[in-house]
């Protein structure tokens, strides 16, 4: 893992086509990022990404209905 310090308004690149910029820092605890990436690169918050992965695993194992029934409760 790489840890990078940036101030508000500063940015960094991942590869040639992904740019991450610090938009705002609130109370020293919350950071707003701007992410510029090509349309074909999905960008998700971690909790959304994990749910997508879980849904994909359930659908590929044939347990999609079982998973959906459990997710709704």
PDB file of N, CA and C in Angstrom:
ATOM      1  N   UNK A   1       0.853  -1.178   0.000  1.00  0.00           N
ATOM      2  CA  UNK A   1       0.000   0.000   0.000  1.00  0.00           C
ATOM      3  C   UNK A   1       0.894   1.234   0.000  1.00  0.00           C
ATOM      4  N   UNK A   2       0.499   2.192  -0.782  1.00  0.00           N
ATOM      5  CA  UNK A   2       1.195   3.466  -0.816  1.00  0.00           C
ATOM      6  C   UNK A   2       0.337   4.490  -0.076  1.00  0.00           C
ATOM      7  N   UNK A   3       0.947   5.263   0.797  1.00  0.00           N
ATOM      8  CA  UNK A   3       0.248   6.326   1.513  1.00  0.00           C
ATOM      9  C   UNK A   3       0.770   7.649   0.970  1.00  0.00           C
ATOM     10  N   UNK A   4      -0.150   8.505   0.566  1.00  0.00           N
ATOM     11  CA  UNK A   4       0.214   9.776  -0.065  1.00  0.00           C
ATOM     12  C   UNK A   4      -0.443  10.908   0.708  1.00  0.00           C
ATOM     13  N   UNK A   5       0.338  11.917   1.012  1.00  0.00           N
ATOM     14  CA  UNK A   5      -0.220  13.132   1.639  1.00  0.00           C
ATOM     15  C   UNK A   5      -0.493  14.155   0.545  1.00  0.00           C
ATOM     16  N   UNK A   6      -1.653  14.750   0.608  1.00  0.00           N
ATOM     17  CA  UNK A   6      -2.034  15.804  -0.325  1.00  0.00           C
ATOM     18  C   UNK A   6      -2.811  16.853   0.439  1.00  0.00           C
ATOM     19  N   UNK A   7      -2.664  18.081   0.028  1.00  0.00           N
ATOM     20  CA  UNK A   7      -3.457  19.170   0.594  1.00  0.00           C
ATOM     21  C   UNK A   7      -4.654  19.407  -0.310  1.00  0.00           C
ATOM     22  N   UNK A   8      -5.602  20.169   0.208  1.00  0.00           N
ATOM     23  CA  UNK A   8      -6.779  20.501  -0.578  1.00  0.00           C
ATOM     24  C   UNK A   8      -6.345  21.160  -1.889  1.00  0.00           C
ATOM     25  N   UNK A   9      -6.902  20.695  -2.998  1.00  0.00           N
ATOM     26  CA  UNK A   9      -6.559  21.220  -4.311  1.00  0.00           C
ATOM     27  C   UNK A   9      -5.444  20.455  -4.999  1.00  0.00           C
ATOM     28  N   UNK A  10      -4.719  19.606  -4.270  1.00  0.00           N
ATOM     29  CA  UNK A  10      -3.656  18.825  -4.875  1.00  0.00           C
ATOM     30  C   UNK A  10      -4.212  17.503  -5.393  1.00  0.00           C
ATOM     31  N   UNK A  11      -3.449  16.847  -6.266  1.00  0.00           N
ATOM     32  CA  UNK A  11      -3.924  15.622  -6.905  1.00  0.00           C
ATOM     33  C   UNK A  11      -2.776  14.641  -7.098  1.00  0.00           C
ATOM     34  N   UNK A  12      -3.146  13.440  -7.508  1.00  0.00           N
ATOM     35  CA  UNK A  12      -2.166  12.445  -7.938  1.00  0.00           C
ATOM     36  C   UNK A  12      -2.797  11.586  -9.022  1.00  0.00           C
ATOM     37  N   UNK A  13      -1.961  10.895  -9.779  1.00  0.00           N
ATOM     38  CA  UNK A  13      -2.415  10.056 -10.881  1.00  0.00           C
ATOM     39  C   UNK A  13      -2.185   8.594 -10.567  1.00  0.00           C
ATOM     40  N   UNK A  14      -3.067   7.762 -11.077  1.00  0.00           N
ATOM     41  CA  UNK A  14      -2.884   6.322 -11.080  1.00  0.00           C
ATOM     42  C   UNK A  14      -2.838   5.936 -12.552  1.00  0.00           C
ATOM     43  N   UNK A  15      -1.671   5.520 -12.990  1.00  0.00           N
ATOM     44  CA  UNK A  15      -1.496   5.248 -14.415  1.00  0.00           C
ATOM     45  C   UNK A  15      -1.597   6.544 -15.200  1.00  0.00           C
ATOM     46  N   UNK A  16      -1.925   6.413 -16.475  1.00  0.00           N
ATOM     47  CA  UNK A  16      -2.014   7.586 -17.342  1.00  0.00           C
ATOM     48  C   UNK A  16      -3.401   8.197 -17.393  1.00  0.00           C
ATOM     49  N   UNK A  17      -4.420   7.457 -16.918  1.00  0.00           N
ATOM     50  CA  UNK A  17      -5.768   7.947 -17.176  1.00  0.00           C
ATOM     51  C   UNK A  17      -6.685   8.029 -15.955  1.00  0.00           C
ATOM     52  N   UNK A  18      -6.135   7.920 -14.745  1.00  0.00           N
ATOM     53  CA  UNK A  18      -6.947   8.097 -13.542  1.00  0.00           C
ATOM     54  C   UNK A  18      -6.304   9.189 -12.695  1.00  0.00           C
ATOM     55  N   UNK A  19      -7.092  10.205 -12.369  1.00  0.00           N
ATOM     56  CA  UNK A  19      -6.601  11.331 -11.569  1.00  0.00           C
ATOM     57  C   UNK A  19      -7.474  11.462 -10.337  1.00  0.00           C
ATOM     58  N   UNK A  20      -6.840  11.540  -9.167  1.00  0.00           N
ATOM     59  CA  UNK A  20      -7.539  11.696  -7.893  1.00  0.00           C
ATOM     60  C   UNK A  20      -7.139  13.056  -7.329  1.00  0.00           C
ATOM     61  N   UNK A  21      -8.118  13.884  -6.996  1.00  0.00           N
ATOM     62  CA  UNK A  21      -7.814  15.195  -6.426  1.00  0.00           C
ATOM     63  C   UNK A  21      -8.564  15.384  -5.117  1.00  0.00           C
ATOM     64  N   UNK A  22      -7.934  16.075  -4.186  1.00  0.00           N
ATOM     65  CA  UNK A  22      -8.559  16.391  -2.898  1.00  0.00           C
ATOM     66  C   UNK A  22      -9.409  17.642  -3.108  1.00  0.00           C
ATOM     67  N   UNK A  23     -10.713  17.510  -2.909  1.00  0.00           N
ATOM     68  CA  UNK A  23     -11.637  18.618  -3.135  1.00  0.00           C
ATOM     69  C   UNK A  23     -11.879  19.439  -1.872  1.00  0.00           C
ATOM     70  N   UNK A  24     -12.000  18.736  -0.734  1.00  0.00           N
ATOM     71  CA  UNK A  24     -12.354  19.428   0.501  1.00  0.00           C
ATOM     72  C   UNK A  24     -11.967  18.563   1.692  1.00  0.00           C
ATOM     73  N   UNK A  25     -11.554  19.208   2.775  1.00  0.00           N
ATOM     74  CA  UNK A  25     -11.277  18.524   4.030  1.00  0.00           C
ATOM     75  C   UNK A  25     -12.145  19.187   5.094  1.00  0.00           C
ATOM     76  N   UNK A  26     -12.989  18.398   5.769  1.00  0.00           N
ATOM     77  CA  UNK A  26     -13.926  18.930   6.756  1.00  0.00           C
ATOM     78  C   UNK A  26     -13.530  18.456   8.152  1.00  0.00           C
ATOM     79  N   UNK A  27     -13.305  19.375   9.046  1.00  0.00           N
ATOM     80  CA  UNK A  27     -13.003  19.075  10.450  1.00  0.00           C
ATOM     81  C   UNK A  27     -11.813  18.142  10.640  1.00  0.00           C
ATOM     82  N   UNK A  28     -10.971  18.036   9.643  1.00  0.00           N
ATOM     83  CA  UNK A  28      -9.809  17.163   9.739  1.00  0.00           C
ATOM     84  C   UNK A  28     -10.143  15.683   9.757  1.00  0.00           C
ATOM     85  N   UNK A  29     -11.412  15.321   9.556  1.00  0.00           N
ATOM     86  CA  UNK A  29     -11.801  13.911   9.615  1.00  0.00           C
ATOM     87  C   UNK A  29     -12.465  13.401   8.344  1.00  0.00           C
ATOM     88  N   UNK A  30     -13.008  14.274   7.542  1.00  0.00           N
ATOM     89  CA  UNK A  30     -13.695  13.874   6.313  1.00  0.00           C
ATOM     90  C   UNK A  30     -12.999  14.505   5.118  1.00  0.00           C
ATOM     91  N   UNK A  31     -12.778  13.697   4.098  1.00  0.00           N
ATOM     92  CA  UNK A  31     -12.105  14.174   2.890  1.00  0.00           C
ATOM     93  C   UNK A  31     -13.012  13.900   1.700  1.00  0.00           C
ATOM     94  N   UNK A  32     -13.198  14.900   0.849  1.00  0.00           N
ATOM     95  CA  UNK A  32     -13.929  14.725  -0.411  1.00  0.00           C
ATOM     96  C   UNK A  32     -12.908  14.637  -1.527  1.00  0.00           C
ATOM     97  N   UNK A  33     -13.023  13.571  -2.335  1.00  0.00           N
ATOM     98  CA  UNK A  33     -12.131  13.361  -3.459  1.00  0.00           C
ATOM     99  C   UNK A  33     -12.880  13.580  -4.759  1.00  0.00           C
ATOM    100  N   UNK A  34     -12.163  14.020  -5.766  1.00  0.00           N
ATOM    101  CA  UNK A  34     -12.663  14.026  -7.134  1.00  0.00           C
ATOM    102  C   UNK A  34     -11.897  12.950  -7.878  1.00  0.00           C
ATOM    103  N   UNK A  35     -12.604  12.114  -8.616  1.00  0.00           N
ATOM    104  CA  UNK A  35     -11.968  11.032  -9.358  1.00  0.00           C
ATOM    105  C   UNK A  35     -12.304  11.190 -10.825  1.00  0.00           C
ATOM    106  N   UNK A  36     -11.269  11.338 -11.643  1.00  0.00           N
ATOM    107  CA  UNK A  36     -11.445  11.404 -13.087  1.00  0.00           C
ATOM    108  C   UNK A  36     -10.888  10.112 -13.664  1.00  0.00           C
ATOM    109  N   UNK A  37     -11.770   9.337 -14.312  1.00  0.00           N
ATOM    110  CA  UNK A  37     -11.363   8.061 -14.892  1.00  0.00           C
ATOM    111  C   UNK A  37     -12.184   7.825 -16.156  1.00  0.00           C
ATOM    112  N   UNK A  38     -11.644   7.041 -17.076  1.00  0.00           N
ATOM    113  CA  UNK A  38     -12.426   6.701 -18.272  1.00  0.00           C
ATOM    114  C   UNK A  38     -13.711   5.985 -17.886  1.00  0.00           C
ATOM    115  N   UNK A  39     -14.703   6.094 -18.727  1.00  0.00           N
ATOM    116  CA  UNK A  39     -16.024   5.525 -18.459  1.00  0.00           C
ATOM    117  C   UNK A  39     -15.967   4.009 -18.273  1.00  0.00           C
ATOM    118  N   UNK A  40     -14.978   3.352 -18.868  1.00  0.00           N
ATOM    119  CA  UNK A  40     -14.906   1.895 -18.779  1.00  0.00           C
ATOM    120  C   UNK A  40     -14.200   1.407 -17.510  1.00  0.00           C
ATOM    121  N   UNK A  41     -13.768   2.317 -16.642  1.00  0.00           N
ATOM    122  CA  UNK A  41     -13.170   1.944 -15.361  1.00  0.00           C
ATOM    123  C   UNK A  41     -14.192   2.246 -14.269  1.00  0.00           C
ATOM    124  N   UNK A  42     -14.782   1.199 -13.676  1.00  0.00           N
ATOM    125  CA  UNK A  42     -15.776   1.443 -12.623  1.00  0.00           C
ATOM    126  C   UNK A  42     -15.124   1.997 -11.360  1.00  0.00           C
ATOM    127  N   UNK A  43     -15.796   2.939 -10.731  1.00  0.00           N
ATOM    128  CA  UNK A  43     -15.323   3.531  -9.474  1.00  0.00           C
ATOM    129  C   UNK A  43     -16.461   3.399  -8.465  1.00  0.00           C
ATOM    130  N   UNK A  44     -16.203   2.677  -7.363  1.00  0.00           N
ATOM    131  CA  UNK A  44     -17.220   2.437  -6.347  1.00  0.00           C
ATOM    132  C   UNK A  44     -16.639   2.667  -4.960  1.00  0.00           C
ATOM    133  N   UNK A  45     -17.469   3.083  -4.018  1.00  0.00           N
ATOM    134  CA  UNK A  45     -17.069   3.049  -2.606  1.00  0.00           C
ATOM    135  C   UNK A  45     -16.872   1.591  -2.231  1.00  0.00           C
ATOM    136  N   UNK A  46     -16.042   1.324  -1.232  1.00  0.00           N
ATOM    137  CA  UNK A  46     -15.704  -0.051  -0.869  1.00  0.00           C
ATOM    138  C   UNK A  46     -16.930  -0.880  -0.526  1.00  0.00           C
ATOM    139  N   UNK A  47     -17.871  -0.328   0.241  1.00  0.00           N
ATOM    140  CA  UNK A  47     -19.037  -1.116   0.636  1.00  0.00           C
ATOM    141  C   UNK A  47     -19.900  -1.495  -0.568  1.00  0.00           C
ATOM    142  N   UNK A  48     -19.958  -0.640  -1.570  1.00  0.00           N
ATOM    143  CA  UNK A  48     -20.702  -0.957  -2.793  1.00  0.00           C
ATOM    144  C   UNK A  48     -19.958  -2.021  -3.588  1.00  0.00           C
ATOM    145  N   UNK A  49     -18.648  -1.868  -3.719  1.00  0.00           N
ATOM    146  CA  UNK A  49     -17.828  -2.838  -4.435  1.00  0.00           C
ATOM    147  C   UNK A  49     -17.965  -4.230  -3.816  1.00  0.00           C
ATOM    148  N   UNK A  50     -17.917  -4.304  -2.481  1.00  0.00           N
ATOM    149  CA  UNK A  50     -18.041  -5.598  -1.798  1.00  0.00           C
ATOM    150  C   UNK A  50     -19.408  -6.227  -2.043  1.00  0.00           C
ATOM    151  N   UNK A  51     -20.444  -5.410  -2.070  1.00  0.00           N
ATOM    152  CA  UNK A  51     -21.785  -5.952  -2.320  1.00  0.00           C
ATOM    153  C   UNK A  51     -21.899  -6.471  -3.751  1.00  0.00           C
ATOM    154  N   UNK A  52     -21.330  -5.763  -4.696  1.00  0.00           N
ATOM    155  CA  UNK A  52     -21.329  -6.220  -6.093  1.00  0.00           C
ATOM    156  C   UNK A  52     -20.606  -7.558  -6.193  1.00  0.00           C
ATOM    157  N   UNK A  53     -19.451  -7.672  -5.533  1.00  0.00           N
ATOM    158  CA  UNK A  53     -18.689  -8.923  -5.569  1.00  0.00           C
ATOM    159  C   UNK A  53     -19.494 -10.060  -4.950  1.00  0.00           C
ATOM    160  N   UNK A  54     -20.171  -9.784  -3.849  1.00  0.00           N
ATOM    161  CA  UNK A  54     -20.987 -10.803  -3.190  1.00  0.00           C
ATOM    162  C   UNK A  54     -22.129 -11.258  -4.098  1.00  0.00           C
ATOM    163  N   UNK A  55     -22.779 -10.297  -4.766  1.00  0.00           N
ATOM    164  CA  UNK A  55     -23.853 -10.633  -5.697  1.00  0.00           C
ATOM    165  C   UNK A  55     -23.324 -11.469  -6.853  1.00  0.00           C
ATOM    166  N   UNK A  56     -22.148 -11.123  -7.356  1.00  0.00           N
ATOM    167  CA  UNK A  56     -21.553 -11.877  -8.463  1.00  0.00           C
ATOM    168  C   UNK A  56     -21.239 -13.310  -8.042  1.00  0.00           C
ATOM    169  N   UNK A  57     -20.684 -13.483  -6.846  1.00  0.00           N
ATOM    170  CA  UNK A  57     -20.386 -14.833  -6.355  1.00  0.00           C
ATOM    171  C   UNK A  57     -21.673 -15.642  -6.201  1.00  0.00           C
ATOM    172  N   UNK A  58     -22.708 -15.018  -5.650  1.00  0.00           N
ATOM    173  CA  UNK A  58     -23.980 -15.724  -5.449  1.00  0.00           C
ATOM    174  C   UNK A  58     -24.597 -16.129  -6.782  1.00  0.00           C
ATOM    175  N   UNK A  59     -24.557 -15.242  -7.764  1.00  0.00           N
ATOM    176  CA  UNK A  59     -25.176 -15.565  -9.054  1.00  0.00           C
ATOM    177  C   UNK A  59     -24.391 -16.632  -9.803  1.00  0.00           C
ATOM    178  N   UNK A  60     -23.075 -16.652  -9.648  1.00  0.00           N
ATOM    179  CA  UNK A  60     -22.287 -17.665 -10.349  1.00  0.00           C
ATOM    180  C   UNK A  60     -22.366 -19.028  -9.673  1.00  0.00           C
ATOM    181  N   UNK A  61     -22.742 -19.064  -8.404  1.00  0.00           N
ATOM    182  CA  UNK A  61     -22.858 -20.342  -7.702  1.00  0.00           C
ATOM    183  C   UNK A  61     -24.277 -20.890  -7.755  1.00  0.00           C
ATOM    184  N   UNK A  62     -25.194 -20.178  -8.390  1.00  0.00           N
ATOM    185  CA  UNK A  62     -26.576 -20.630  -8.471  1.00  0.00           C
ATOM    186  C   UNK A  62     -27.401 -20.301  -7.244  1.00  0.00           C
ATOM    187  N   UNK A  63     -26.853 -19.523  -6.311  1.00  0.00           N
ATOM    188  CA  UNK A  63     -27.559 -19.187  -5.074  1.00  0.00           C
ATOM    189  C   UNK A  63     -28.119 -17.761  -5.098  1.00  0.00           C
ATOM    190  N   UNK A  64     -28.355 -17.211  -6.262  1.00  0.00           N
ATOM    191  CA  UNK A  64     -28.781 -15.821  -6.357  1.00  0.00           C
ATOM    192  C   UNK A  64     -30.104 -15.579  -5.630  1.00  0.00           C
ATOM    193  N   UNK A  65     -31.084 -16.463  -5.825  1.00  0.00           N
ATOM    194  CA  UNK A  65     -32.374 -16.272  -5.154  1.00  0.00           C
ATOM    195  C   UNK A  65     -32.227 -16.408  -3.654  1.00  0.00           C
ATOM    196  N   UNK A  66     -31.433 -17.358  -3.216  1.00  0.00           N
ATOM    197  CA  UNK A  66     -31.204 -17.538  -1.791  1.00  0.00           C
ATOM    198  C   UNK A  66     -30.539 -16.297  -1.221  1.00  0.00           C
ATOM    199  N   UNK A  67     -29.553 -15.765  -1.940  1.00  0.00           N
ATOM    200  CA  UNK A  67     -28.852 -14.569  -1.462  1.00  0.00           C
ATOM    201  C   UNK A  67     -29.808 -13.380  -1.417  1.00  0.00           C
ATOM    202  N   UNK A  68     -30.608 -13.199  -2.473  1.00  0.00           N
ATOM    203  CA  UNK A  68     -31.552 -12.075  -2.507  1.00  0.00           C
ATOM    204  C   UNK A  68     -32.557 -12.171  -1.381  1.00  0.00           C
ATOM    205  N   UNK A  69     -33.054 -13.360  -1.104  1.00  0.00           N
ATOM    206  CA  UNK A  69     -34.012 -13.523   0.000  1.00  0.00           C
ATOM    207  C   UNK A  69     -33.362 -13.175   1.328  1.00  0.00           C
ATOM    208  N   UNK A  70     -32.115 -13.527   1.523  1.00  0.00           N
ATOM    209  CA  UNK A  70     -31.400 -13.201   2.748  1.00  0.00           C
ATOM    210  C   UNK A  70     -31.054 -11.731   2.817  1.00  0.00           C
ATOM    211  N   UNK A  71     -30.792 -11.094   1.667  1.00  0.00           N
ATOM    212  CA  UNK A  71     -30.391  -9.673   1.653  1.00  0.00           C
ATOM    213  C   UNK A  71     -31.565  -8.774   1.981  1.00  0.00           C
ATOM    214  N   UNK A  72     -32.770  -9.225   1.692  1.00  0.00           N
ATOM    215  CA  UNK A  72     -33.936  -8.358   1.916  1.00  0.00           C
ATOM    216  C   UNK A  72     -34.420  -8.396   3.359  1.00  0.00           C
ATOM    217  N   UNK A  73     -33.916  -9.325   4.170  1.00  0.00           N
ATOM    218  CA  UNK A  73     -34.392  -9.402   5.557  1.00  0.00           C
ATOM    219  C   UNK A  73     -33.537  -8.607   6.492  1.00  0.00           C
TER     220      UNK A  73
END
